PDB file of N, CA and C in Angstrom:
ATOM      1  N   UNK A   1     206.624 289.941  53.447  1.00  0.00           N
ATOM      2  CA  UNK A   1     206.042 289.750  52.138  1.00  0.00           C
ATOM      3  C   UNK A   1     206.989 290.360  51.107  1.00  0.00           C
ATOM      4  N   UNK A   2     207.315 289.596  50.030  1.00  0.00           N
ATOM      5  CA  UNK A   2     208.180 290.149  48.995  1.00  0.00           C
ATOM      6  C   UNK A   2     207.457 291.255  48.225  1.00  0.00           C
ATOM      7  N   UNK A   3     208.238 292.143  47.638  1.00  0.00           N
ATOM      8  CA  UNK A   3     207.668 293.222  46.834  1.00  0.00           C
ATOM      9  C   UNK A   3     207.105 292.641  45.541  1.00  0.00           C
ATOM     10  N   UNK A   4     206.113 293.332  44.971  1.00  0.00           N
ATOM     11  CA  UNK A   4     205.530 292.898  43.711  1.00  0.00           C
ATOM     12  C   UNK A   4     206.582 292.957  42.612  1.00  0.00           C
ATOM     13  N   UNK A   5     206.594 291.945  41.770  1.00  0.00           N
ATOM     14  CA  UNK A   5     207.527 291.870  40.651  1.00  0.00           C
ATOM     15  C   UNK A   5     206.724 292.076  39.362  1.00  0.00           C
ATOM     16  N   UNK A   6     206.957 293.166  38.623  1.00  0.00           N
ATOM     17  CA  UNK A   6     206.165 293.447  37.415  1.00  0.00           C
ATOM     18  C   UNK A   6     206.557 292.544  36.243  1.00  0.00           C
ATOM     19  N   UNK A   7     206.335 291.250  36.404  1.00  0.00           N
ATOM     20  CA  UNK A   7     206.673 290.277  35.366  1.00  0.00           C
ATOM     21  C   UNK A   7     205.847 290.517  34.108  1.00  0.00           C
ATOM     22  N   UNK A   8     206.340 290.046  32.994  1.00  0.00           N
ATOM     23  CA  UNK A   8     205.597 290.097  31.745  1.00  0.00           C
ATOM     24  C   UNK A   8     204.438 289.114  31.845  1.00  0.00           C
ATOM     25  N   UNK A   9     203.250 289.534  31.390  1.00  0.00           N
ATOM     26  CA  UNK A   9     202.070 288.681  31.426  1.00  0.00           C
ATOM     27  C   UNK A   9     202.333 287.398  30.657  1.00  0.00           C
ATOM     28  N   UNK A  10     202.021 286.273  31.300  1.00  0.00           N
ATOM     29  CA  UNK A  10     202.147 284.979  30.644  1.00  0.00           C
ATOM     30  C   UNK A  10     201.221 284.004  31.344  1.00  0.00           C
ATOM     31  N   UNK A  11     200.310 283.412  30.580  1.00  0.00           N
ATOM     32  CA  UNK A  11     199.424 282.399  31.155  1.00  0.00           C
ATOM     33  C   UNK A  11     200.237 281.137  31.370  1.00  0.00           C
ATOM     34  N   UNK A  12     200.506 280.843  32.635  1.00  0.00           N
ATOM     35  CA  UNK A  12     201.326 279.688  32.964  1.00  0.00           C
ATOM     36  C   UNK A  12     200.930 279.137  34.322  1.00  0.00           C
ATOM     37  N   UNK A  13     200.974 277.817  34.441  1.00  0.00           N
ATOM     38  CA  UNK A  13     200.677 277.183  35.723  1.00  0.00           C
ATOM     39  C   UNK A  13     201.916 277.229  36.604  1.00  0.00           C
ATOM     40  N   UNK A  14     201.721 277.634  37.844  1.00  0.00           N
ATOM     41  CA  UNK A  14     202.810 277.700  38.819  1.00  0.00           C
ATOM     42  C   UNK A  14     202.406 276.893  40.045  1.00  0.00           C
ATOM     43  N   UNK A  15     203.365 276.661  40.916  1.00  0.00           N
ATOM     44  CA  UNK A  15     203.093 275.907  42.135  1.00  0.00           C
ATOM     45  C   UNK A  15     203.373 276.804  43.332  1.00  0.00           C
ATOM     46  N   UNK A  16     202.367 276.991  44.193  1.00  0.00           N
ATOM     47  CA  UNK A  16     202.565 277.879  45.347  1.00  0.00           C
ATOM     48  C   UNK A  16     203.607 277.334  46.308  1.00  0.00           C
ATOM     49  N   UNK A  17     204.386 278.245  46.858  1.00  0.00           N
ATOM     50  CA  UNK A  17     205.387 277.869  47.853  1.00  0.00           C
ATOM     51  C   UNK A  17     204.973 278.333  49.247  1.00  0.00           C
ATOM     52  N   UNK A  18     203.998 279.215  49.316  1.00  0.00           N
ATOM     53  CA  UNK A  18     203.499 279.716  50.601  1.00  0.00           C
ATOM     54  C   UNK A  18     202.029 279.321  50.737  1.00  0.00           C
ATOM     55  N   UNK A  19     201.548 279.222  51.971  1.00  0.00           N
ATOM     56  CA  UNK A  19     200.149 278.826  52.164  1.00  0.00           C
ATOM     57  C   UNK A  19     199.166 279.923  51.752  1.00  0.00           C
ATOM     58  N   UNK A  20     197.968 279.502  51.402  1.00  0.00           N
ATOM     59  CA  UNK A  20     196.871 280.407  51.073  1.00  0.00           C
ATOM     60  C   UNK A  20     195.759 280.199  52.095  1.00  0.00           C
ATOM     61  N   UNK A  21     195.005 281.260  52.337  1.00  0.00           N
ATOM     62  CA  UNK A  21     193.861 281.184  53.229  1.00  0.00           C
ATOM     63  C   UNK A  21     192.625 280.944  52.374  1.00  0.00           C
ATOM     64  N   UNK A  22     191.812 279.960  52.749  1.00  0.00           N
ATOM     65  CA  UNK A  22     190.566 279.670  52.053  1.00  0.00           C
ATOM     66  C   UNK A  22     189.438 279.878  53.050  1.00  0.00           C
ATOM     67  N   UNK A  23     188.524 280.797  52.732  1.00  0.00           N
ATOM     68  CA  UNK A  23     187.401 281.104  53.612  1.00  0.00           C
ATOM     69  C   UNK A  23     186.091 280.780  52.894  1.00  0.00           C
ATOM     70  N   UNK A  24     185.240 280.014  53.550  1.00  0.00           N
ATOM     71  CA  UNK A  24     183.917 279.694  53.013  1.00  0.00           C
ATOM     72  C   UNK A  24     182.917 280.670  53.613  1.00  0.00           C
ATOM     73  N   UNK A  25     182.064 281.257  52.774  1.00  0.00           N
ATOM     74  CA  UNK A  25     181.069 282.208  53.266  1.00  0.00           C
ATOM     75  C   UNK A  25     180.076 281.501  54.193  1.00  0.00           C
ATOM     76  N   UNK A  26     179.404 282.273  55.012  1.00  0.00           N
ATOM     77  CA  UNK A  26     178.449 281.709  55.966  1.00  0.00           C
ATOM     78  C   UNK A  26     177.340 280.908  55.287  1.00  0.00           C
ATOM     79  N   UNK A  27     176.928 281.331  54.087  1.00  0.00           N
ATOM     80  CA  UNK A  27     175.865 280.601  53.394  1.00  0.00           C
ATOM     81  C   UNK A  27     176.413 279.461  52.528  1.00  0.00           C
ATOM     82  N   UNK A  28     177.742 279.284  52.496  1.00  0.00           N
ATOM     83  CA  UNK A  28     178.360 278.187  51.760  1.00  0.00           C
ATOM     84  C   UNK A  28     178.396 278.368  50.262  1.00  0.00           C
ATOM     85  N   UNK A  29     178.027 279.546  49.772  1.00  0.00           N
ATOM     86  CA  UNK A  29     177.922 279.751  48.330  1.00  0.00           C
ATOM     87  C   UNK A  29     179.144 280.427  47.712  1.00  0.00           C
ATOM     88  N   UNK A  30     180.111 280.844  48.509  1.00  0.00           N
ATOM     89  CA  UNK A  30     181.318 281.511  48.005  1.00  0.00           C
ATOM     90  C   UNK A  30     182.531 281.000  48.752  1.00  0.00           C
ATOM     91  N   UNK A  31     183.631 280.885  48.035  1.00  0.00           N
ATOM     92  CA  UNK A  31     184.932 280.606  48.640  1.00  0.00           C
ATOM     93  C   UNK A  31     185.851 281.751  48.247  1.00  0.00           C
ATOM     94  N   UNK A  32     186.599 282.285  49.205  1.00  0.00           N
ATOM     95  CA  UNK A  32     187.553 283.348  48.958  1.00  0.00           C
ATOM     96  C   UNK A  32     188.941 282.830  49.303  1.00  0.00           C
ATOM     97  N   UNK A  33     189.841 282.900  48.332  1.00  0.00           N
ATOM     98  CA  UNK A  33     191.220 282.443  48.499  1.00  0.00           C
ATOM     99  C   UNK A  33     192.104 283.688  48.529  1.00  0.00           C
ATOM    100  N   UNK A  34     192.945 283.780  49.556  1.00  0.00           N
ATOM    101  CA  UNK A  34     193.803 284.954  49.737  1.00  0.00           C
ATOM    102  C   UNK A  34     195.244 284.516  49.951  1.00  0.00           C
ATOM    103  N   UNK A  35     196.176 285.230  49.310  1.00  0.00           N
ATOM    104  CA  UNK A  35     197.594 284.953  49.484  1.00  0.00           C
ATOM    105  C   UNK A  35     198.403 285.733  48.473  1.00  0.00           C
ATOM    106  N   UNK A  36     199.702 285.438  48.403  1.00  0.00           N
ATOM    107  CA  UNK A  36     200.599 286.117  47.468  1.00  0.00           C
ATOM    108  C   UNK A  36     200.820 285.239  46.242  1.00  0.00           C
ATOM    109  N   UNK A  37     200.706 285.843  45.059  1.00  0.00           N
ATOM    110  CA  UNK A  37     200.918 285.114  43.811  1.00  0.00           C
ATOM    111  C   UNK A  37     202.328 284.519  43.803  1.00  0.00           C
ATOM    112  N   UNK A  38     202.454 283.233  43.500  1.00  0.00           N
ATOM    113  CA  UNK A  38     203.777 282.616  43.457  1.00  0.00           C
ATOM    114  C   UNK A  38     204.672 283.157  42.337  1.00  0.00           C
ATOM    115  N   UNK A  39     204.079 283.790  41.315  1.00  0.00           N
ATOM    116  CA  UNK A  39     204.876 284.284  40.188  1.00  0.00           C
ATOM    117  C   UNK A  39     205.305 285.735  40.365  1.00  0.00           C
ATOM    118  N   UNK A  40     204.356 286.630  40.663  1.00  0.00           N
ATOM    119  CA  UNK A  40     204.694 288.061  40.740  1.00  0.00           C
ATOM    120  C   UNK A  40     204.712 288.590  42.181  1.00  0.00           C
ATOM    121  N   UNK A  41     204.320 287.791  43.127  1.00  0.00           N
ATOM    122  CA  UNK A  41     204.345 288.103  44.558  1.00  0.00           C
ATOM    123  C   UNK A  41     203.341 289.174  44.975  1.00  0.00           C
ATOM    124  N   UNK A  42     202.422 289.540  44.075  1.00  0.00           N
ATOM    125  CA  UNK A  42     201.377 290.500  44.432  1.00  0.00           C
ATOM    126  C   UNK A  42     200.305 289.828  45.268  1.00  0.00           C
ATOM    127  N   UNK A  43     199.745 290.582  46.199  1.00  0.00           N
ATOM    128  CA  UNK A  43     198.654 290.068  47.029  1.00  0.00           C
ATOM    129  C   UNK A  43     197.457 289.813  46.128  1.00  0.00           C
ATOM    130  N   UNK A  44     196.874 288.621  46.214  1.00  0.00           N
ATOM    131  CA  UNK A  44     195.737 288.294  45.365  1.00  0.00           C
ATOM    132  C   UNK A  44     194.587 287.773  46.202  1.00  0.00           C
ATOM    133  N   UNK A  45     193.396 288.170  45.822  1.00  0.00           N
ATOM    134  CA  UNK A  45     192.159 287.693  46.442  1.00  0.00           C
ATOM    135  C   UNK A  45     191.311 287.149  45.307  1.00  0.00           C
ATOM    136  N   UNK A  46     190.976 285.873  45.399  1.00  0.00           N
ATOM    137  CA  UNK A  46     190.240 285.201  44.336  1.00  0.00           C
ATOM    138  C   UNK A  46     188.969 284.626  44.932  1.00  0.00           C
ATOM    139  N   UNK A  47     187.833 284.960  44.345  1.00  0.00           N
ATOM    140  CA  UNK A  47     186.543 284.530  44.888  1.00  0.00           C
ATOM    141  C   UNK A  47     185.838 283.654  43.863  1.00  0.00           C
ATOM    142  N   UNK A  48     185.339 282.504  44.306  1.00  0.00           N
ATOM    143  CA  UNK A  48     184.624 281.595  43.410  1.00  0.00           C
ATOM    144  C   UNK A  48     183.258 281.255  43.990  1.00  0.00           C
ATOM    145  N   UNK A  49     182.293 281.095  43.090  1.00  0.00           N
ATOM    146  CA  UNK A  49     180.936 280.714  43.488  1.00  0.00           C
ATOM    147  C   UNK A  49     180.852 279.201  43.590  1.00  0.00           C
ATOM    148  N   UNK A  50     179.969 278.731  44.469  1.00  0.00           N
ATOM    149  CA  UNK A  50     179.745 277.305  44.645  1.00  0.00           C
ATOM    150  C   UNK A  50     178.272 277.091  44.938  1.00  0.00           C
ATOM    151  N   UNK A  51     177.644 276.197  44.227  1.00  0.00           N
ATOM    152  CA  UNK A  51     176.227 275.937  44.455  1.00  0.00           C
ATOM    153  C   UNK A  51     175.360 276.919  43.678  1.00  0.00           C
ATOM    154  N   UNK A  52     174.095 276.933  43.990  1.00  0.00           N
ATOM    155  CA  UNK A  52     173.131 277.801  43.319  1.00  0.00           C
ATOM    156  C   UNK A  52     173.161 279.167  43.984  1.00  0.00           C
ATOM    157  N   UNK A  53     173.397 280.235  43.204  1.00  0.00           N
ATOM    158  CA  UNK A  53     173.530 281.567  43.786  1.00  0.00           C
ATOM    159  C   UNK A  53     172.213 282.324  43.864  1.00  0.00           C
ATOM    160  N   UNK A  54     171.312 282.072  42.942  1.00  0.00           N
ATOM    161  CA  UNK A  54     170.035 282.792  42.948  1.00  0.00           C
ATOM    162  C   UNK A  54     169.037 282.144  43.882  1.00  0.00           C
ATOM    163  N   UNK A  55     167.820 282.699  43.909  1.00  0.00           N
ATOM    164  CA  UNK A  55     166.792 282.086  44.745  1.00  0.00           C
ATOM    165  C   UNK A  55     166.467 280.696  44.208  1.00  0.00           C
ATOM    166  N   UNK A  56     166.236 279.765  45.101  1.00  0.00           N
ATOM    167  CA  UNK A  56     165.922 278.399  44.700  1.00  0.00           C
ATOM    168  C   UNK A  56     164.486 278.332  44.218  1.00  0.00           C
ATOM    169  N   UNK A  57     164.275 277.558  43.163  1.00  0.00           N
ATOM    170  CA  UNK A  57     162.941 277.409  42.612  1.00  0.00           C
ATOM    171  C   UNK A  57     162.420 276.021  42.931  1.00  0.00           C
ATOM    172  N   UNK A  58     161.143 275.907  42.961  1.00  0.00           N
ATOM    173  CA  UNK A  58     160.541 274.601  43.215  1.00  0.00           C
ATOM    174  C   UNK A  58     159.839 274.578  44.549  1.00  0.00           C
ATOM    175  N   UNK A  59     158.834 273.773  44.622  1.00  0.00           N
ATOM    176  CA  UNK A  59     157.979 273.718  45.802  1.00  0.00           C
ATOM    177  C   UNK A  59     158.686 273.163  47.034  1.00  0.00           C
ATOM    178  N   UNK A  60     159.592 272.197  46.840  1.00  0.00           N
ATOM    179  CA  UNK A  60     160.155 271.480  47.987  1.00  0.00           C
ATOM    180  C   UNK A  60     161.532 271.970  48.407  1.00  0.00           C
ATOM    181  N   UNK A  61     162.044 272.994  47.788  1.00  0.00           N
ATOM    182  CA  UNK A  61     163.375 273.487  48.148  1.00  0.00           C
ATOM    183  C   UNK A  61     163.274 274.634  49.137  1.00  0.00           C
ATOM    184  N   UNK A  62     164.187 274.627  50.084  1.00  0.00           N
ATOM    185  CA  UNK A  62     164.245 275.723  51.056  1.00  0.00           C
ATOM    186  C   UNK A  62     165.129 276.825  50.520  1.00  0.00           C
ATOM    187  N   UNK A  63     164.784 278.061  50.776  1.00  0.00           N
ATOM    188  CA  UNK A  63     165.592 279.200  50.328  1.00  0.00           C
ATOM    189  C   UNK A  63     166.931 279.254  51.055  1.00  0.00           C
ATOM    190  N   UNK A  64     166.986 278.733  52.256  1.00  0.00           N
ATOM    191  CA  UNK A  64     168.220 278.812  53.030  1.00  0.00           C
ATOM    192  C   UNK A  64     169.064 277.547  52.904  1.00  0.00           C
ATOM    193  N   UNK A  65     168.753 276.694  51.938  1.00  0.00           N
ATOM    194  CA  UNK A  65     169.517 275.458  51.760  1.00  0.00           C
ATOM    195  C   UNK A  65     170.971 275.793  51.448  1.00  0.00           C
ATOM    196  N   UNK A  66     171.870 275.166  52.175  1.00  0.00           N
ATOM    197  CA  UNK A  66     173.307 275.405  52.000  1.00  0.00           C
ATOM    198  C   UNK A  66     173.901 274.279  51.171  1.00  0.00           C
ATOM    199  N   UNK A  67     174.720 274.598  50.158  1.00  0.00           N
ATOM    200  CA  UNK A  67     175.315 273.529  49.355  1.00  0.00           C
ATOM    201  C   UNK A  67     176.320 272.718  50.167  1.00  0.00           C
ATOM    202  N   UNK A  68     176.531 271.496  49.728  1.00  0.00           N
ATOM    203  CA  UNK A  68     177.560 270.667  50.358  1.00  0.00           C
ATOM    204  C   UNK A  68     178.901 271.374  50.227  1.00  0.00           C
ATOM    205  N   UNK A  69     179.785 271.233  51.218  1.00  0.00           N
ATOM    206  CA  UNK A  69     181.099 271.888  51.124  1.00  0.00           C
ATOM    207  C   UNK A  69     181.879 271.409  49.898  1.00  0.00           C
ATOM    208  N   UNK A  70     182.631 272.323  49.345  1.00  0.00           N
ATOM    209  CA  UNK A  70     183.487 272.035  48.203  1.00  0.00           C
ATOM    210  C   UNK A  70     184.625 271.138  48.670  1.00  0.00           C
ATOM    211  N   UNK A  71     185.051 270.220  47.812  1.00  0.00           N
ATOM    212  CA  UNK A  71     186.191 269.354  48.128  1.00  0.00           C
ATOM    213  C   UNK A  71     187.197 269.442  46.985  1.00  0.00           C
ATOM    214  N   UNK A  72     188.390 268.953  47.223  1.00  0.00           N
ATOM    215  CA  UNK A  72     189.414 268.956  46.180  1.00  0.00           C
ATOM    216  C   UNK A  72     190.251 270.217  46.210  1.00  0.00           C
ATOM    217  N   UNK A  73     190.322 270.889  45.087  1.00  0.00           N
ATOM    218  CA  UNK A  73     191.152 272.093  44.971  1.00  0.00           C
ATOM    219  C   UNK A  73     190.400 273.164  44.190  1.00  0.00           C
ATOM    220  N   UNK A  74     190.768 274.408  44.447  1.00  0.00           N
ATOM    221  CA  UNK A  74     190.197 275.545  43.731  1.00  0.00           C
ATOM    222  C   UNK A  74     191.249 276.055  42.751  1.00  0.00           C
ATOM    223  N   UNK A  75     190.919 276.116  41.446  1.00  0.00           N
ATOM    224  CA  UNK A  75     191.856 276.726  40.508  1.00  0.00           C
ATOM    225  C   UNK A  75     191.840 278.248  40.702  1.00  0.00           C
ATOM    226  N   UNK A  76     192.991 278.809  41.009  1.00  0.00           N
ATOM    227  CA  UNK A  76     193.114 280.236  41.326  1.00  0.00           C
ATOM    228  C   UNK A  76     193.929 280.920  40.231  1.00  0.00           C
ATOM    229  N   UNK A  77     193.514 282.135  39.876  1.00  0.00           N
ATOM    230  CA  UNK A  77     194.225 282.959  38.900  1.00  0.00           C
ATOM    231  C   UNK A  77     194.728 284.199  39.606  1.00  0.00           C
ATOM    232  N   UNK A  78     195.926 284.670  39.241  1.00  0.00           N
ATOM    233  CA  UNK A  78     196.468 285.881  39.855  1.00  0.00           C
ATOM    234  C   UNK A  78     195.496 287.037  39.633  1.00  0.00           C
ATOM    235  N   UNK A  79     195.152 287.721  40.695  1.00  0.00           N
ATOM    236  CA  UNK A  79     194.276 288.897  40.661  1.00  0.00           C
ATOM    237  C   UNK A  79     194.950 290.028  41.432  1.00  0.00           C
ATOM    238  N   UNK A  80     196.263 290.192  41.238  1.00  0.00           N
ATOM    239  CA  UNK A  80     197.021 291.178  42.012  1.00  0.00           C
ATOM    240  C   UNK A  80     196.598 292.617  41.723  1.00  0.00           C
ATOM    241  N   UNK A  81     196.082 292.880  40.527  1.00  0.00           N
ATOM    242  CA  UNK A  81     195.645 294.224  40.175  1.00  0.00           C
ATOM    243  C   UNK A  81     196.749 295.142  39.687  1.00  0.00           C
ATOM    244  N   UNK A  82     197.975 294.673  39.697  1.00  0.00           N
ATOM    245  CA  UNK A  82     199.090 295.483  39.196  1.00  0.00           C
ATOM    246  C   UNK A  82     199.176 295.389  37.675  1.00  0.00           C
ATOM    247  N   UNK A  83     199.712 296.422  37.026  1.00  0.00           N
ATOM    248  CA  UNK A  83     199.915 296.320  35.582  1.00  0.00           C
ATOM    249  C   UNK A  83     201.056 295.347  35.277  1.00  0.00           C
ATOM    250  N   UNK A  84     200.878 294.565  34.230  1.00  0.00           N
ATOM    251  CA  UNK A  84     201.907 293.633  33.774  1.00  0.00           C
ATOM    252  C   UNK A  84     202.088 293.837  32.276  1.00  0.00           C
ATOM    253  N   UNK A  85     203.343 294.031  31.827  1.00  0.00           N
ATOM    254  CA  UNK A  85     203.582 294.241  30.401  1.00  0.00           C
ATOM    255  C   UNK A  85     203.001 293.096  29.571  1.00  0.00           C
ATOM    256  N   UNK A  86     202.446 293.456  28.420  1.00  0.00           N
ATOM    257  CA  UNK A  86     201.911 292.521  27.439  1.00  0.00           C
ATOM    258  C   UNK A  86     200.627 291.808  27.877  1.00  0.00           C
ATOM    259  N   UNK A  87     199.962 292.318  28.931  1.00  0.00           N
ATOM    260  CA  UNK A  87     198.668 291.727  29.274  1.00  0.00           C
ATOM    261  C   UNK A  87     197.662 292.164  28.218  1.00  0.00           C
ATOM    262  N   UNK A  88     196.971 291.220  27.581  1.00  0.00           N
ATOM    263  CA  UNK A  88     196.007 291.599  26.552  1.00  0.00           C
ATOM    264  C   UNK A  88     194.832 292.364  27.152  1.00  0.00           C
ATOM    265  N   UNK A  89     194.333 293.363  26.452  1.00  0.00           N
ATOM    266  CA  UNK A  89     193.215 294.149  26.984  1.00  0.00           C
ATOM    267  C   UNK A  89     191.964 293.308  27.201  1.00  0.00           C
ATOM    268  N   UNK A  90     191.815 292.198  26.474  1.00  0.00           N
ATOM    269  CA  UNK A  90     190.634 291.355  26.635  1.00  0.00           C
ATOM    270  C   UNK A  90     190.782 290.320  27.753  1.00  0.00           C
ATOM    271  N   UNK A  91     191.911 290.314  28.438  1.00  0.00           N
ATOM    272  CA  UNK A  91     192.128 289.356  29.516  1.00  0.00           C
ATOM    273  C   UNK A  91     191.131 289.590  30.645  1.00  0.00           C
ATOM    274  N   UNK A  92     190.412 288.536  31.062  1.00  0.00           N
ATOM    275  CA  UNK A  92     189.437 288.704  32.142  1.00  0.00           C
ATOM    276  C   UNK A  92     190.081 288.817  33.522  1.00  0.00           C
ATOM    277  N   UNK A  93     191.358 288.465  33.625  1.00  0.00           N
ATOM    278  CA  UNK A  93     192.052 288.495  34.909  1.00  0.00           C
ATOM    279  C   UNK A  93     192.804 289.794  35.089  1.00  0.00           C
ATOM    280  N   UNK A  94     192.971 290.198  36.336  1.00  0.00           N
ATOM    281  CA  UNK A  94     193.680 291.439  36.658  1.00  0.00           C
ATOM    282  C   UNK A  94     195.022 291.116  37.298  1.00  0.00           C
ATOM    283  N   UNK A  95     195.793 290.262  36.640  1.00  0.00           N
ATOM    284  CA  UNK A  95     197.064 289.861  37.227  1.00  0.00           C
ATOM    285  C   UNK A  95     198.092 289.531  36.167  1.00  0.00           C
ATOM    286  N   UNK A  96     199.051 288.695  36.550  1.00  0.00           N
ATOM    287  CA  UNK A  96     200.199 288.396  35.697  1.00  0.00           C
ATOM    288  C   UNK A  96     199.965 287.216  34.763  1.00  0.00           C
ATOM    289  N   UNK A  97     198.834 286.525  34.876  1.00  0.00           N
ATOM    290  CA  UNK A  97     198.544 285.377  34.026  1.00  0.00           C
ATOM    291  C   UNK A  97     198.826 284.045  34.688  1.00  0.00           C
ATOM    292  N   UNK A  98     199.454 284.062  35.851  1.00  0.00           N
ATOM    293  CA  UNK A  98     199.758 282.817  36.548  1.00  0.00           C
ATOM    294  C   UNK A  98     198.476 282.204  37.107  1.00  0.00           C
ATOM    295  N   UNK A  99     198.445 280.879  37.160  1.00  0.00           N
ATOM    296  CA  UNK A  99     197.333 280.172  37.801  1.00  0.00           C
ATOM    297  C   UNK A  99     197.877 278.953  38.526  1.00  0.00           C
ATOM    298  N   UNK A 100     197.141 278.505  39.543  1.00  0.00           N
ATOM    299  CA  UNK A 100     197.579 277.400  40.381  1.00  0.00           C
ATOM    300  C   UNK A 100     196.378 276.838  41.117  1.00  0.00           C
ATOM    301  N   UNK A 101     196.558 275.679  41.747  1.00  0.00           N
ATOM    302  CA  UNK A 101     195.502 275.047  42.537  1.00  0.00           C
ATOM    303  C   UNK A 101     195.778 275.248  44.018  1.00  0.00           C
ATOM    304  N   UNK A 102     194.706 275.531  44.767  1.00  0.00           N
ATOM    305  CA  UNK A 102     194.790 275.647  46.217  1.00  0.00           C
ATOM    306  C   UNK A 102     193.853 274.599  46.811  1.00  0.00           C
ATOM    307  N   UNK A 103     194.363 273.696  47.654  1.00  0.00           N
ATOM    308  CA  UNK A 103     193.497 272.683  48.257  1.00  0.00           C
ATOM    309  C   UNK A 103     192.428 273.317  49.150  1.00  0.00           C
ATOM    310  N   UNK A 104     191.231 272.738  49.103  1.00  0.00           N
ATOM    311  CA  UNK A 104     190.149 273.187  49.969  1.00  0.00           C
ATOM    312  C   UNK A 104     190.329 272.499  51.322  1.00  0.00           C
ATOM    313  N   UNK A 105     190.365 273.291  52.410  1.00  0.00           N
ATOM    314  CA  UNK A 105     190.499 272.639  53.721  1.00  0.00           C
ATOM    315  C   UNK A 105     189.230 271.857  54.061  1.00  0.00           C
ATOM    316  N   UNK A 106     189.356 270.843  54.920  1.00  0.00           N
ATOM    317  CA  UNK A 106     188.172 270.075  55.311  1.00  0.00           C
ATOM    318  C   UNK A 106     187.118 270.997  55.921  1.00  0.00           C
ATOM    319  N   UNK A 107     185.862 270.680  55.650  1.00  0.00           N
ATOM    320  CA  UNK A 107     184.748 271.483  56.181  1.00  0.00           C
ATOM    321  C   UNK A 107     184.670 271.332  57.689  1.00  0.00           C
ATOM    322  N   UNK A 108     184.308 272.416  58.339  1.00  0.00           N
ATOM    323  CA  UNK A 108     184.091 272.399  59.783  1.00  0.00           C
ATOM    324  C   UNK A 108     182.629 272.050  60.024  1.00  0.00           C
ATOM    325  N   UNK A 109     182.345 270.974  60.780  1.00  0.00           N
ATOM    326  CA  UNK A 109     180.958 270.623  61.036  1.00  0.00           C
ATOM    327  C   UNK A 109     180.268 271.657  61.919  1.00  0.00           C
ATOM    328  N   UNK A 110     178.936 271.673  61.919  1.00  0.00           N
ATOM    329  CA  UNK A 110     178.211 272.598  62.781  1.00  0.00           C
ATOM    330  C   UNK A 110     178.701 272.479  64.209  1.00  0.00           C
ATOM    331  N   UNK A 111     178.874 273.605  64.864  1.00  0.00           N
ATOM    332  CA  UNK A 111     179.377 273.614  66.232  1.00  0.00           C
ATOM    333  C   UNK A 111     180.842 273.993  66.297  1.00  0.00           C
ATOM    334  N   UNK A 112     181.541 273.972  65.117  1.00  0.00           N
ATOM    335  CA  UNK A 112     182.904 274.470  65.053  1.00  0.00           C
ATOM    336  C   UNK A 112     183.994 273.451  65.334  1.00  0.00           C
ATOM    337  N   UNK A 113     183.710 272.280  65.877  1.00  0.00           N
ATOM    338  CA  UNK A 113     184.765 271.317  66.173  1.00  0.00           C
ATOM    339  C   UNK A 113     184.957 270.399  64.983  1.00  0.00           C
ATOM    340  N   UNK A 114     186.209 270.146  64.572  1.00  0.00           N
ATOM    341  CA  UNK A 114     186.439 269.252  63.417  1.00  0.00           C
ATOM    342  C   UNK A 114     186.138 267.816  63.744  1.00  0.00           C
TER     343      UNK A 114
END
């Protein structure tokens, strides 16, 4: 793994050169993307919600209903946690400002076999 590069904060789209790991939570409501930022090389963990996160309302809905698997790509923002010069204090991200798309792997059907 390359060392972290304290690049100047800049919101810019980059293209990953190394693979990222995408993990879907057991209840299907969260996706966690893990890998090294293509811009600053810091380890980043990015978590996104999918589906309804709170208790389901309505007479006919089950509380354990799992959302359909996410398809396409997840927009990921650097969350390396390292300080980067010129990062605005109001920035919601904890990284260098880089963002990129990570493809969602095909869902594994019940039973584990693709």
